[in-house]
Amino acid sequence: MRRLYFRISCVIQEKPLQGSQKSSQLNSKPKVLLVVAHPDLEHSIVNHLMLKKVQDLSHVTVHDLYAHYPDFFIDVDAEHQLLMKHDIVVFQFPMFLYSCPSLLKEWMDRVLEKGFAYGEGAQLKGKTWKTVISTGGNDDAFSSNGYNQYTLNDFLRPFEMTAALCQMHWLEPMVLYWSHNVSDAERYAHAEEFRLWLQHPLGSKESG
């Protein structure tokens, strides 16, 4: 059984905020839902390190999909309530066959449904989407002249369009290329950069 570092928030019915509460919320850090999708997180070279660096951040809820849904049966209502309690949704995953791991795709297909995420209702409108990804290939491979023939942004276009469909703000993805081959120091620096960004995630919002 995977070790859970997670701070999965309890699902509660929230009451409307009064004046002083609204002021307090405006002065506090935005709540971040970190959706992690890695089928073998314990043996991950970089993603495991990144999570260790951010597990003490009180405004961040780490949600490991493979630990939470090993049978792939997703509790859609619970996921909807979790999304509603957060301002920023960060998707952290390794690139698998030019896309995301299968459980994250299942999560998106089931959870980001019409009537909730887009269309009438659009409950995610105005929230922020950030993709944090690691790749096996180096950055040179992701170009029109490289091995993969397209840039990483090209491969991430479906995610960007999903964010647009949900009327969410798309932030520039955070990428660690060649994750199995870079030095330990580079991995550590990347994890530290991730922590620093999470501490001030809207300090410089970059719209895609």
N, C-alpha and C. Protein backbone atom coordinates (compact mmCIF):
# COMPACT_ATOMS: atom_id res chain seq x y z
N MET A 1 0.85 -1.20 0.00
CA MET A 1 0.00 0.00 0.00
C MET A 1 0.88 1.24 0.00
N ARG A 2 0.56 2.19 -0.87
CA ARG A 2 1.40 3.38 -0.95
C ARG A 2 1.26 4.23 0.30
N ARG A 3 2.37 4.82 0.68
CA ARG A 3 2.34 5.75 1.79
C ARG A 3 1.63 7.01 1.33
N LEU A 4 0.71 7.52 2.16
CA LEU A 4 -0.03 8.71 1.79
C LEU A 4 0.52 9.91 2.56
N TYR A 5 0.88 10.95 1.82
CA TYR A 5 1.33 12.17 2.47
C TYR A 5 0.17 13.17 2.55
N PHE A 6 -1.00 12.74 2.20
CA PHE A 6 -2.01 13.65 1.72
C PHE A 6 -2.80 14.35 2.79
N ARG A 7 -3.26 15.51 2.39
CA ARG A 7 -4.09 16.33 3.23
C ARG A 7 -5.44 16.42 2.53
N ILE A 8 -6.14 15.29 2.43
CA ILE A 8 -7.40 15.28 1.70
C ILE A 8 -8.45 15.98 2.55
N SER A 9 -8.99 17.03 2.03
CA SER A 9 -9.92 17.85 2.79
C SER A 9 -11.24 17.12 3.02
N CYS A 10 -11.85 17.33 4.18
CA CYS A 10 -13.18 16.77 4.43
C CYS A 10 -14.19 17.51 3.57
N VAL A 11 -15.17 16.80 3.09
CA VAL A 11 -16.21 17.42 2.28
C VAL A 11 -17.28 17.94 3.21
N ILE A 12 -17.46 19.25 3.24
CA ILE A 12 -18.44 19.85 4.14
C ILE A 12 -19.29 20.85 3.37
N GLN A 13 -20.43 21.18 3.94
CA GLN A 13 -21.29 22.19 3.34
C GLN A 13 -20.80 23.55 3.81
N GLU A 14 -20.35 24.38 2.88
CA GLU A 14 -19.80 25.67 3.26
C GLU A 14 -20.91 26.71 3.36
N LYS A 15 -20.81 27.56 4.39
CA LYS A 15 -21.78 28.64 4.58
C LYS A 15 -21.28 29.90 3.89
N PRO A 16 -22.20 30.78 3.48
CA PRO A 16 -21.78 32.05 2.86
C PRO A 16 -20.90 32.84 3.82
N LEU A 17 -19.87 33.49 3.27
CA LEU A 17 -18.94 34.25 4.10
C LEU A 17 -19.53 35.60 4.48
N GLN A 18 -19.31 36.01 5.72
CA GLN A 18 -19.72 37.33 6.16
C GLN A 18 -18.58 38.31 5.88
N GLY A 19 -18.80 39.60 6.15
CA GLY A 19 -17.84 40.64 5.78
C GLY A 19 -16.42 40.40 6.24
N SER A 20 -16.21 40.17 7.56
CA SER A 20 -14.87 39.98 8.07
C SER A 20 -14.23 38.71 7.54
N GLN A 21 -15.08 37.68 7.31
CA GLN A 21 -14.57 36.42 6.78
C GLN A 21 -14.09 36.61 5.35
N LYS A 22 -14.85 37.39 4.57
CA LYS A 22 -14.46 37.66 3.18
C LYS A 22 -13.12 38.37 3.14
N SER A 23 -12.96 39.37 4.04
CA SER A 23 -11.71 40.12 4.08
C SER A 23 -10.55 39.21 4.42
N SER A 24 -10.77 38.29 5.39
CA SER A 24 -9.73 37.35 5.78
C SER A 24 -9.35 36.44 4.64
N GLN A 25 -10.38 35.99 3.87
CA GLN A 25 -10.10 35.09 2.75
C GLN A 25 -9.30 35.79 1.67
N LEU A 26 -9.61 37.07 1.43
CA LEU A 26 -8.90 37.81 0.40
C LEU A 26 -7.42 37.95 0.75
N ASN A 27 -7.13 38.03 2.06
CA ASN A 27 -5.75 38.21 2.49
C ASN A 27 -5.00 36.89 2.64
N SER A 28 -5.69 35.76 2.53
CA SER A 28 -5.05 34.47 2.70
C SER A 28 -4.58 33.93 1.35
N LYS A 29 -3.78 32.88 1.41
CA LYS A 29 -3.29 32.27 0.18
C LYS A 29 -4.42 31.50 -0.50
N PRO A 30 -4.42 31.46 -1.83
CA PRO A 30 -5.44 30.67 -2.52
C PRO A 30 -5.27 29.19 -2.19
N LYS A 31 -6.38 28.48 -2.12
CA LYS A 31 -6.34 27.06 -1.83
C LYS A 31 -6.00 26.28 -3.10
N VAL A 32 -5.02 25.40 -2.98
CA VAL A 32 -4.52 24.66 -4.13
C VAL A 32 -4.87 23.17 -3.98
N LEU A 33 -5.48 22.62 -5.02
CA LEU A 33 -5.71 21.18 -5.09
C LEU A 33 -4.65 20.60 -6.02
N LEU A 34 -3.76 19.79 -5.47
CA LEU A 34 -2.68 19.18 -6.25
C LEU A 34 -3.10 17.75 -6.60
N VAL A 35 -3.54 17.56 -7.84
CA VAL A 35 -3.99 16.25 -8.31
C VAL A 35 -2.79 15.52 -8.90
N VAL A 36 -2.37 14.46 -8.21
CA VAL A 36 -1.18 13.72 -8.62
C VAL A 36 -1.60 12.41 -9.29
N ALA A 37 -1.05 12.15 -10.46
CA ALA A 37 -1.38 10.92 -11.19
C ALA A 37 -0.09 10.22 -11.61
N HIS A 38 0.33 9.29 -10.78
CA HIS A 38 1.53 8.50 -11.09
C HIS A 38 1.27 7.07 -10.62
N PRO A 39 1.28 6.08 -11.52
CA PRO A 39 0.93 4.71 -11.15
C PRO A 39 1.96 4.01 -10.26
N ASP A 40 3.14 4.60 -10.11
CA ASP A 40 4.16 4.00 -9.27
C ASP A 40 4.93 5.11 -8.56
N LEU A 41 4.22 5.85 -7.76
CA LEU A 41 4.76 7.07 -7.17
C LEU A 41 5.95 6.80 -6.25
N GLU A 42 5.91 5.71 -5.50
CA GLU A 42 6.99 5.41 -4.56
C GLU A 42 8.34 5.25 -5.26
N HIS A 43 8.30 4.80 -6.50
CA HIS A 43 9.55 4.58 -7.24
C HIS A 43 9.84 5.68 -8.26
N SER A 44 9.05 6.73 -8.21
CA SER A 44 9.29 7.86 -9.11
C SER A 44 10.57 8.58 -8.72
N ILE A 45 11.33 8.98 -9.70
CA ILE A 45 12.60 9.66 -9.42
C ILE A 45 12.38 11.11 -9.00
N VAL A 46 11.47 11.79 -9.69
CA VAL A 46 11.31 13.21 -9.42
C VAL A 46 9.99 13.55 -8.72
N ASN A 47 8.88 12.90 -9.10
CA ASN A 47 7.58 13.29 -8.54
C ASN A 47 7.50 13.04 -7.03
N HIS A 48 8.10 11.95 -6.58
CA HIS A 48 8.12 11.65 -5.15
C HIS A 48 8.87 12.74 -4.38
N LEU A 49 9.99 13.18 -4.93
CA LEU A 49 10.77 14.25 -4.30
C LEU A 49 9.97 15.55 -4.27
N MET A 50 9.28 15.86 -5.35
CA MET A 50 8.50 17.09 -5.40
C MET A 50 7.42 17.11 -4.33
N LEU A 51 6.76 15.98 -4.12
CA LEU A 51 5.71 15.92 -3.11
C LEU A 51 6.27 16.05 -1.70
N LYS A 52 7.44 15.47 -1.46
CA LYS A 52 8.06 15.59 -0.15
C LYS A 52 8.37 17.05 0.17
N LYS A 53 8.69 17.82 -0.85
CA LYS A 53 9.04 19.23 -0.65
C LYS A 53 7.83 20.11 -0.33
N VAL A 54 6.62 19.64 -0.66
CA VAL A 54 5.45 20.52 -0.50
C VAL A 54 4.43 19.98 0.51
N GLN A 55 4.72 18.84 1.14
CA GLN A 55 3.71 18.20 1.99
C GLN A 55 3.36 19.00 3.23
N ASP A 56 4.19 19.97 3.60
CA ASP A 56 3.90 20.76 4.80
C ASP A 56 3.17 22.07 4.50
N LEU A 57 2.83 22.33 3.25
CA LEU A 57 2.15 23.59 2.90
C LEU A 57 0.66 23.47 3.24
N SER A 58 0.21 24.24 4.19
CA SER A 58 -1.15 24.08 4.73
C SER A 58 -2.25 24.45 3.74
N HIS A 59 -1.94 25.28 2.75
CA HIS A 59 -2.97 25.69 1.80
C HIS A 59 -3.04 24.76 0.59
N VAL A 60 -2.24 23.69 0.61
CA VAL A 60 -2.19 22.75 -0.52
C VAL A 60 -2.77 21.40 -0.08
N THR A 61 -3.74 20.90 -0.84
CA THR A 61 -4.30 19.57 -0.63
C THR A 61 -3.74 18.65 -1.70
N VAL A 62 -2.98 17.63 -1.28
CA VAL A 62 -2.40 16.68 -2.23
C VAL A 62 -3.36 15.51 -2.39
N HIS A 63 -3.74 15.24 -3.62
CA HIS A 63 -4.74 14.21 -3.91
C HIS A 63 -4.14 13.20 -4.89
N ASP A 64 -3.67 12.07 -4.37
CA ASP A 64 -3.03 11.04 -5.18
C ASP A 64 -4.11 10.13 -5.76
N LEU A 65 -4.36 10.23 -7.04
CA LEU A 65 -5.45 9.49 -7.66
C LEU A 65 -5.24 7.98 -7.61
N TYR A 66 -4.01 7.52 -7.83
CA TYR A 66 -3.77 6.07 -7.85
C TYR A 66 -3.86 5.47 -6.45
N ALA A 67 -3.57 6.24 -5.42
CA ALA A 67 -3.74 5.76 -4.05
C ALA A 67 -5.21 5.79 -3.65
N HIS A 68 -5.92 6.79 -4.15
CA HIS A 68 -7.31 7.00 -3.77
C HIS A 68 -8.26 6.10 -4.55
N TYR A 69 -7.94 5.83 -5.81
CA TYR A 69 -8.83 5.03 -6.66
C TYR A 69 -8.06 3.90 -7.35
N PRO A 70 -7.55 2.94 -6.59
CA PRO A 70 -6.80 1.85 -7.21
C PRO A 70 -7.63 0.98 -8.13
N ASP A 71 -8.95 1.01 -7.93
CA ASP A 71 -9.85 0.22 -8.78
C ASP A 71 -10.43 1.04 -9.94
N PHE A 72 -10.03 2.30 -10.03
CA PHE A 72 -10.47 3.21 -11.09
C PHE A 72 -11.95 3.62 -10.96
N PHE A 73 -12.61 3.27 -9.86
CA PHE A 73 -14.00 3.69 -9.65
C PHE A 73 -13.99 5.03 -8.92
N ILE A 74 -14.22 6.08 -9.67
CA ILE A 74 -14.08 7.44 -9.16
C ILE A 74 -15.39 7.94 -8.55
N ASP A 75 -15.29 8.50 -7.36
CA ASP A 75 -16.44 9.10 -6.69
C ASP A 75 -16.60 10.52 -7.25
N VAL A 76 -17.42 10.64 -8.26
CA VAL A 76 -17.55 11.91 -8.98
C VAL A 76 -18.06 13.02 -8.09
N ASP A 77 -19.07 12.74 -7.28
CA ASP A 77 -19.62 13.78 -6.39
C ASP A 77 -18.57 14.29 -5.41
N ALA A 78 -17.79 13.37 -4.85
CA ALA A 78 -16.74 13.79 -3.90
C ALA A 78 -15.69 14.64 -4.60
N GLU A 79 -15.36 14.27 -5.84
CA GLU A 79 -14.37 15.05 -6.59
C GLU A 79 -14.91 16.44 -6.93
N HIS A 80 -16.18 16.52 -7.24
CA HIS A 80 -16.79 17.83 -7.52
C HIS A 80 -16.68 18.73 -6.28
N GLN A 81 -17.01 18.18 -5.11
CA GLN A 81 -16.96 18.98 -3.89
C GLN A 81 -15.53 19.39 -3.56
N LEU A 82 -14.58 18.50 -3.84
CA LEU A 82 -13.17 18.83 -3.60
C LEU A 82 -12.73 19.97 -4.51
N LEU A 83 -13.11 19.92 -5.76
CA LEU A 83 -12.76 20.99 -6.70
C LEU A 83 -13.37 22.32 -6.27
N MET A 84 -14.60 22.29 -5.78
CA MET A 84 -15.28 23.52 -5.40
C MET A 84 -14.62 24.20 -4.20
N LYS A 85 -13.89 23.44 -3.40
CA LYS A 85 -13.26 23.99 -2.20
C LYS A 85 -11.91 24.64 -2.47
N HIS A 86 -11.46 24.59 -3.74
CA HIS A 86 -10.12 25.09 -4.07
C HIS A 86 -10.17 26.13 -5.19
N ASP A 87 -9.16 26.99 -5.19
CA ASP A 87 -9.08 28.06 -6.18
C ASP A 87 -8.21 27.69 -7.38
N ILE A 88 -7.20 26.87 -7.12
CA ILE A 88 -6.24 26.48 -8.15
C ILE A 88 -6.17 24.97 -8.20
N VAL A 89 -6.19 24.42 -9.42
CA VAL A 89 -6.06 22.98 -9.60
C VAL A 89 -4.75 22.72 -10.34
N VAL A 90 -3.86 21.97 -9.71
CA VAL A 90 -2.57 21.63 -10.31
C VAL A 90 -2.60 20.14 -10.64
N PHE A 91 -2.27 19.83 -11.89
CA PHE A 91 -2.21 18.43 -12.32
C PHE A 91 -0.74 18.05 -12.48
N GLN A 92 -0.29 17.13 -11.64
CA GLN A 92 1.12 16.70 -11.66
C GLN A 92 1.18 15.26 -12.15
N PHE A 93 1.93 15.03 -13.23
CA PHE A 93 2.01 13.68 -13.78
C PHE A 93 3.21 13.54 -14.71
N PRO A 94 3.66 12.30 -14.94
CA PRO A 94 4.70 12.05 -15.94
C PRO A 94 4.03 11.88 -17.30
N MET A 95 4.70 12.27 -18.35
CA MET A 95 4.12 12.08 -19.69
C MET A 95 4.17 10.60 -20.05
N PHE A 96 3.01 10.06 -20.42
CA PHE A 96 2.89 8.67 -20.87
C PHE A 96 2.36 8.69 -22.31
N LEU A 97 3.14 8.20 -23.24
CA LEU A 97 2.71 8.13 -24.66
C LEU A 97 2.10 9.44 -25.13
N TYR A 98 2.81 10.53 -24.88
CA TYR A 98 2.43 11.87 -25.34
C TYR A 98 1.16 12.40 -24.67
N SER A 99 0.78 11.81 -23.55
CA SER A 99 -0.40 12.27 -22.84
C SER A 99 -0.19 12.01 -21.35
N CYS A 100 -1.29 11.86 -20.62
CA CYS A 100 -1.23 11.63 -19.18
C CYS A 100 -1.49 10.16 -18.86
N PRO A 101 -1.17 9.71 -17.66
CA PRO A 101 -1.51 8.35 -17.24
C PRO A 101 -3.03 8.11 -17.33
N SER A 102 -3.40 6.86 -17.52
CA SER A 102 -4.79 6.52 -17.84
C SER A 102 -5.81 6.92 -16.78
N LEU A 103 -5.43 6.84 -15.50
CA LEU A 103 -6.40 7.19 -14.46
C LEU A 103 -6.72 8.68 -14.48
N LEU A 104 -5.76 9.52 -14.81
CA LEU A 104 -6.04 10.95 -14.90
C LEU A 104 -6.99 11.23 -16.07
N LYS A 105 -6.81 10.53 -17.18
CA LYS A 105 -7.73 10.71 -18.30
C LYS A 105 -9.14 10.27 -17.90
N GLU A 106 -9.24 9.14 -17.19
CA GLU A 106 -10.54 8.68 -16.69
C GLU A 106 -11.15 9.71 -15.75
N TRP A 107 -10.31 10.28 -14.88
CA TRP A 107 -10.78 11.31 -13.95
C TRP A 107 -11.33 12.50 -14.71
N MET A 108 -10.62 12.96 -15.71
CA MET A 108 -11.09 14.12 -16.48
C MET A 108 -12.39 13.81 -17.22
N ASP A 109 -12.47 12.62 -17.82
CA ASP A 109 -13.68 12.24 -18.56
C ASP A 109 -14.90 12.18 -17.64
N ARG A 110 -14.71 11.70 -16.41
CA ARG A 110 -15.83 11.51 -15.50
C ARG A 110 -16.14 12.78 -14.69
N VAL A 111 -15.11 13.43 -14.21
CA VAL A 111 -15.31 14.54 -13.26
C VAL A 111 -15.60 15.86 -13.97
N LEU A 112 -14.90 16.12 -15.07
CA LEU A 112 -15.09 17.40 -15.78
C LEU A 112 -16.24 17.26 -16.76
N GLU A 113 -17.40 16.96 -16.24
CA GLU A 113 -18.56 16.67 -17.08
C GLU A 113 -19.39 17.92 -17.37
N LYS A 114 -20.14 17.82 -18.46
CA LYS A 114 -21.04 18.91 -18.83
C LYS A 114 -22.11 19.08 -17.76
N GLY A 115 -22.39 20.33 -17.44
CA GLY A 115 -23.36 20.60 -16.38
C GLY A 115 -22.68 20.90 -15.05
N PHE A 116 -21.43 20.50 -14.93
CA PHE A 116 -20.64 20.85 -13.76
C PHE A 116 -19.44 21.70 -14.15
N ALA A 117 -18.57 21.13 -14.98
CA ALA A 117 -17.34 21.82 -15.34
C ALA A 117 -17.54 22.82 -16.47
N TYR A 118 -18.48 22.55 -17.35
CA TYR A 118 -18.75 23.45 -18.48
C TYR A 118 -20.22 23.35 -18.85
N GLY A 119 -20.63 24.25 -19.75
CA GLY A 119 -22.05 24.31 -20.09
C GLY A 119 -22.81 25.04 -18.99
N GLU A 120 -24.09 24.69 -18.81
CA GLU A 120 -24.88 25.32 -17.77
C GLU A 120 -24.31 24.96 -16.41
N GLY A 121 -24.06 25.92 -15.62
CA GLY A 121 -23.45 25.69 -14.31
C GLY A 121 -22.03 26.20 -14.28
N ALA A 122 -21.15 25.60 -15.08
CA ALA A 122 -19.75 26.02 -15.19
C ALA A 122 -19.14 26.35 -13.83
N GLN A 123 -19.13 25.36 -12.94
CA GLN A 123 -18.69 25.58 -11.55
C GLN A 123 -17.20 25.88 -11.42
N LEU A 124 -16.44 25.61 -12.46
CA LEU A 124 -14.99 25.84 -12.38
C LEU A 124 -14.58 27.18 -13.00
N LYS A 125 -15.55 27.92 -13.48
CA LYS A 125 -15.27 29.21 -14.12
C LYS A 125 -14.49 30.12 -13.18
N GLY A 126 -13.38 30.67 -13.68
CA GLY A 126 -12.57 31.60 -12.89
C GLY A 126 -11.49 30.94 -12.06
N LYS A 127 -11.54 29.62 -11.91
CA LYS A 127 -10.47 28.93 -11.20
C LYS A 127 -9.24 28.83 -12.11
N THR A 128 -8.14 28.37 -11.58
CA THR A 128 -6.88 28.36 -12.31
C THR A 128 -6.38 26.93 -12.50
N TRP A 129 -5.83 26.66 -13.69
CA TRP A 129 -5.31 25.33 -14.07
C TRP A 129 -3.80 25.44 -14.30
N LYS A 130 -3.06 24.55 -13.66
CA LYS A 130 -1.61 24.48 -13.85
C LYS A 130 -1.23 23.02 -14.11
N THR A 131 -0.43 22.79 -15.13
CA THR A 131 0.07 21.46 -15.44
C THR A 131 1.54 21.37 -15.05
N VAL A 132 1.87 20.35 -14.26
CA VAL A 132 3.25 20.13 -13.83
C VAL A 132 3.63 18.74 -14.33
N ILE A 133 4.59 18.67 -15.23
CA ILE A 133 4.83 17.44 -15.97
C ILE A 133 6.31 17.10 -16.04
N SER A 134 6.60 15.82 -16.05
CA SER A 134 7.98 15.36 -16.26
C SER A 134 8.00 14.48 -17.51
N THR A 135 9.09 14.53 -18.25
CA THR A 135 9.20 13.77 -19.49
C THR A 135 10.46 12.89 -19.48
N GLY A 136 10.43 11.83 -20.28
CA GLY A 136 11.61 11.00 -20.43
C GLY A 136 12.58 11.56 -21.45
N GLY A 137 12.05 12.34 -22.41
CA GLY A 137 12.89 12.92 -23.45
C GLY A 137 13.44 14.28 -23.05
N ASN A 138 14.54 14.68 -23.68
CA ASN A 138 15.09 16.00 -23.39
C ASN A 138 14.34 17.07 -24.19
N ASP A 139 14.63 18.32 -23.89
CA ASP A 139 13.87 19.40 -24.52
C ASP A 139 14.09 19.47 -26.03
N ASP A 140 15.28 19.06 -26.50
CA ASP A 140 15.54 19.07 -27.94
C ASP A 140 14.63 18.11 -28.70
N ALA A 141 14.17 17.06 -28.01
CA ALA A 141 13.30 16.07 -28.67
C ALA A 141 11.92 16.64 -28.94
N PHE A 142 11.54 17.69 -28.20
CA PHE A 142 10.22 18.27 -28.36
C PHE A 142 10.30 19.54 -29.21
N SER A 143 10.49 19.34 -30.49
CA SER A 143 10.55 20.45 -31.45
C SER A 143 10.20 19.90 -32.82
N SER A 144 9.95 20.80 -33.76
CA SER A 144 9.58 20.37 -35.11
C SER A 144 10.70 19.57 -35.78
N ASN A 145 11.93 19.80 -35.35
CA ASN A 145 13.08 19.08 -35.92
C ASN A 145 13.57 17.96 -35.01
N GLY A 146 12.90 17.78 -33.86
CA GLY A 146 13.34 16.78 -32.90
C GLY A 146 12.69 15.43 -33.09
N TYR A 147 13.03 14.51 -32.22
CA TYR A 147 12.56 13.13 -32.30
C TYR A 147 11.04 13.05 -32.26
N ASN A 148 10.41 13.89 -31.43
CA ASN A 148 8.95 13.83 -31.27
C ASN A 148 8.18 14.71 -32.25
N GLN A 149 8.89 15.51 -33.04
CA GLN A 149 8.33 16.29 -34.16
C GLN A 149 7.43 17.46 -33.75
N TYR A 150 7.04 17.51 -32.50
CA TYR A 150 6.18 18.60 -32.02
C TYR A 150 6.71 19.10 -30.69
N THR A 151 6.32 20.32 -30.34
CA THR A 151 6.71 20.87 -29.04
C THR A 151 5.84 20.27 -27.94
N LEU A 152 6.29 20.39 -26.70
CA LEU A 152 5.50 19.89 -25.58
C LEU A 152 4.17 20.64 -25.50
N ASN A 153 4.19 21.93 -25.79
CA ASN A 153 2.94 22.70 -25.77
C ASN A 153 1.93 22.15 -26.78
N ASP A 154 2.43 21.64 -27.90
CA ASP A 154 1.53 21.02 -28.87
C ASP A 154 0.85 19.78 -28.27
N PHE A 155 1.64 18.97 -27.56
CA PHE A 155 1.07 17.77 -26.95
C PHE A 155 0.11 18.10 -25.82
N LEU A 156 0.32 19.24 -25.17
CA LEU A 156 -0.54 19.64 -24.06
C LEU A 156 -1.76 20.44 -24.50
N ARG A 157 -1.91 20.65 -25.80
CA ARG A 157 -3.03 21.46 -26.29
C ARG A 157 -4.40 20.93 -25.84
N PRO A 158 -4.65 19.61 -25.83
CA PRO A 158 -5.96 19.15 -25.34
C PRO A 158 -6.25 19.56 -23.89
N PHE A 159 -5.21 19.61 -23.06
CA PHE A 159 -5.40 20.04 -21.68
C PHE A 159 -5.72 21.54 -21.63
N GLU A 160 -5.01 22.29 -22.45
CA GLU A 160 -5.27 23.74 -22.51
C GLU A 160 -6.68 24.02 -23.00
N MET A 161 -7.13 23.28 -23.98
CA MET A 161 -8.48 23.48 -24.51
C MET A 161 -9.54 23.04 -23.51
N THR A 162 -9.23 22.02 -22.71
CA THR A 162 -10.16 21.60 -21.65
C THR A 162 -10.30 22.70 -20.61
N ALA A 163 -9.18 23.31 -20.25
CA ALA A 163 -9.22 24.44 -19.32
C ALA A 163 -10.06 25.58 -19.89
N ALA A 164 -9.89 25.85 -21.17
CA ALA A 164 -10.66 26.92 -21.82
C ALA A 164 -12.14 26.58 -21.83
N LEU A 165 -12.46 25.31 -22.10
CA LEU A 165 -13.86 24.88 -22.10
C LEU A 165 -14.50 25.10 -20.73
N CYS A 166 -13.72 24.88 -19.69
CA CYS A 166 -14.21 25.05 -18.31
C CYS A 166 -14.11 26.50 -17.84
N GLN A 167 -13.64 27.39 -18.72
CA GLN A 167 -13.47 28.82 -18.42
C GLN A 167 -12.52 29.02 -17.23
N MET A 168 -11.47 28.20 -17.23
CA MET A 168 -10.43 28.32 -16.21
C MET A 168 -9.23 29.07 -16.78
N HIS A 169 -8.47 29.70 -15.91
CA HIS A 169 -7.25 30.39 -16.32
C HIS A 169 -6.14 29.36 -16.51
N TRP A 170 -5.53 29.37 -17.68
CA TRP A 170 -4.44 28.43 -17.99
C TRP A 170 -3.11 29.09 -17.68
N LEU A 171 -2.31 28.46 -16.83
CA LEU A 171 -0.97 28.96 -16.53
C LEU A 171 0.07 28.17 -17.32
N GLU A 172 1.19 28.80 -17.56
CA GLU A 172 2.28 28.14 -18.28
C GLU A 172 2.67 26.85 -17.55
N PRO A 173 2.75 25.74 -18.27
CA PRO A 173 3.12 24.47 -17.62
C PRO A 173 4.53 24.52 -17.02
N MET A 174 4.73 23.75 -16.00
CA MET A 174 6.04 23.59 -15.38
C MET A 174 6.57 22.22 -15.79
N VAL A 175 7.76 22.18 -16.38
CA VAL A 175 8.25 20.95 -17.01
C VAL A 175 9.66 20.61 -16.53
N LEU A 176 9.86 19.33 -16.27
CA LEU A 176 11.22 18.82 -16.09
C LEU A 176 11.46 17.83 -17.22
N TYR A 177 12.28 18.24 -18.19
CA TYR A 177 12.63 17.35 -19.30
C TYR A 177 13.70 16.35 -18.85
N TRP A 178 13.70 15.19 -19.53
CA TRP A 178 14.78 14.20 -19.35
C TRP A 178 14.93 13.83 -17.88
N SER A 179 13.81 13.60 -17.22
CA SER A 179 13.80 13.46 -15.76
C SER A 179 14.62 12.30 -15.24
N HIS A 180 14.81 11.25 -16.04
CA HIS A 180 15.58 10.10 -15.58
C HIS A 180 17.10 10.32 -15.73
N ASN A 181 17.47 11.35 -16.45
CA ASN A 181 18.89 11.53 -16.78
C ASN A 181 19.54 12.78 -16.19
N VAL A 182 18.72 13.72 -15.72
CA VAL A 182 19.32 14.91 -15.13
C VAL A 182 19.94 14.55 -13.79
N SER A 183 20.76 15.43 -13.27
CA SER A 183 21.46 15.17 -12.01
C SER A 183 20.51 15.28 -10.83
N ASP A 184 20.93 14.71 -9.70
CA ASP A 184 20.16 14.84 -8.47
C ASP A 184 20.00 16.31 -8.09
N ALA A 185 21.03 17.08 -8.32
CA ALA A 185 20.98 18.51 -7.99
C ALA A 185 19.92 19.23 -8.82
N GLU A 186 19.80 18.85 -10.09
CA GLU A 186 18.78 19.47 -10.95
C GLU A 186 17.38 19.07 -10.51
N ARG A 187 17.21 17.82 -10.11
CA ARG A 187 15.91 17.38 -9.62
C ARG A 187 15.53 18.13 -8.34
N TYR A 188 16.51 18.28 -7.46
CA TYR A 188 16.27 18.98 -6.21
C TYR A 188 15.90 20.44 -6.48
N ALA A 189 16.61 21.07 -7.41
CA ALA A 189 16.32 22.47 -7.76
C ALA A 189 14.92 22.60 -8.35
N HIS A 190 14.53 21.62 -9.15
CA HIS A 190 13.19 21.63 -9.75
C HIS A 190 12.13 21.51 -8.66
N ALA A 191 12.35 20.60 -7.70
CA ALA A 191 11.41 20.42 -6.60
C ALA A 191 11.31 21.69 -5.75
N GLU A 192 12.44 22.36 -5.55
CA GLU A 192 12.45 23.60 -4.78
C GLU A 192 11.71 24.71 -5.54
N GLU A 193 11.87 24.75 -6.86
CA GLU A 193 11.15 25.73 -7.67
C GLU A 193 9.64 25.49 -7.58
N PHE A 194 9.25 24.23 -7.57
CA PHE A 194 7.84 23.88 -7.43
C PHE A 194 7.30 24.36 -6.09
N ARG A 195 8.04 24.13 -5.04
CA ARG A 195 7.61 24.59 -3.71
C ARG A 195 7.47 26.12 -3.67
N LEU A 196 8.45 26.81 -4.23
CA LEU A 196 8.41 28.28 -4.23
C LEU A 196 7.21 28.79 -5.00
N TRP A 197 6.90 28.13 -6.13
CA TRP A 197 5.74 28.56 -6.90
C TRP A 197 4.46 28.34 -6.11
N LEU A 198 4.34 27.19 -5.45
CA LEU A 198 3.13 26.90 -4.68
C LEU A 198 2.93 27.87 -3.52
N GLN A 199 4.02 28.41 -3.01
CA GLN A 199 3.90 29.37 -1.91
C GLN A 199 3.25 30.68 -2.38
N HIS A 200 3.44 31.03 -3.67
CA HIS A 200 2.85 32.24 -4.23
C HIS A 200 2.35 31.94 -5.64
N PRO A 201 1.35 31.08 -5.79
CA PRO A 201 0.96 30.58 -7.11
C PRO A 201 0.37 31.63 -8.04
N LEU A 202 -0.19 32.69 -7.50
CA LEU A 202 -0.78 33.74 -8.33
C LEU A 202 0.04 35.02 -8.29
N GLY A 203 1.28 34.89 -7.89
CA GLY A 203 2.14 36.07 -7.82
C GLY A 203 2.32 36.72 -9.16
N SER A 204 2.36 35.89 -10.21
CA SER A 204 2.48 36.41 -11.58
C SER A 204 1.71 35.47 -12.48
N LYS A 205 0.40 35.68 -12.56
CA LYS A 205 -0.46 34.81 -13.35
C LYS A 205 -0.13 34.96 -14.83
N GLU A 206 0.17 33.83 -15.48
CA GLU A 206 0.53 33.83 -16.88
C GLU A 206 -0.61 33.19 -17.67
N SER A 207 -1.35 33.98 -18.35
CA SER A 207 -2.45 33.42 -19.14
C SER A 207 -1.92 32.82 -20.41
N GLY A 208 -2.47 31.63 -20.77
CA GLY A 208 -2.04 30.97 -21.98
C GLY A 208 -2.76 31.50 -23.17
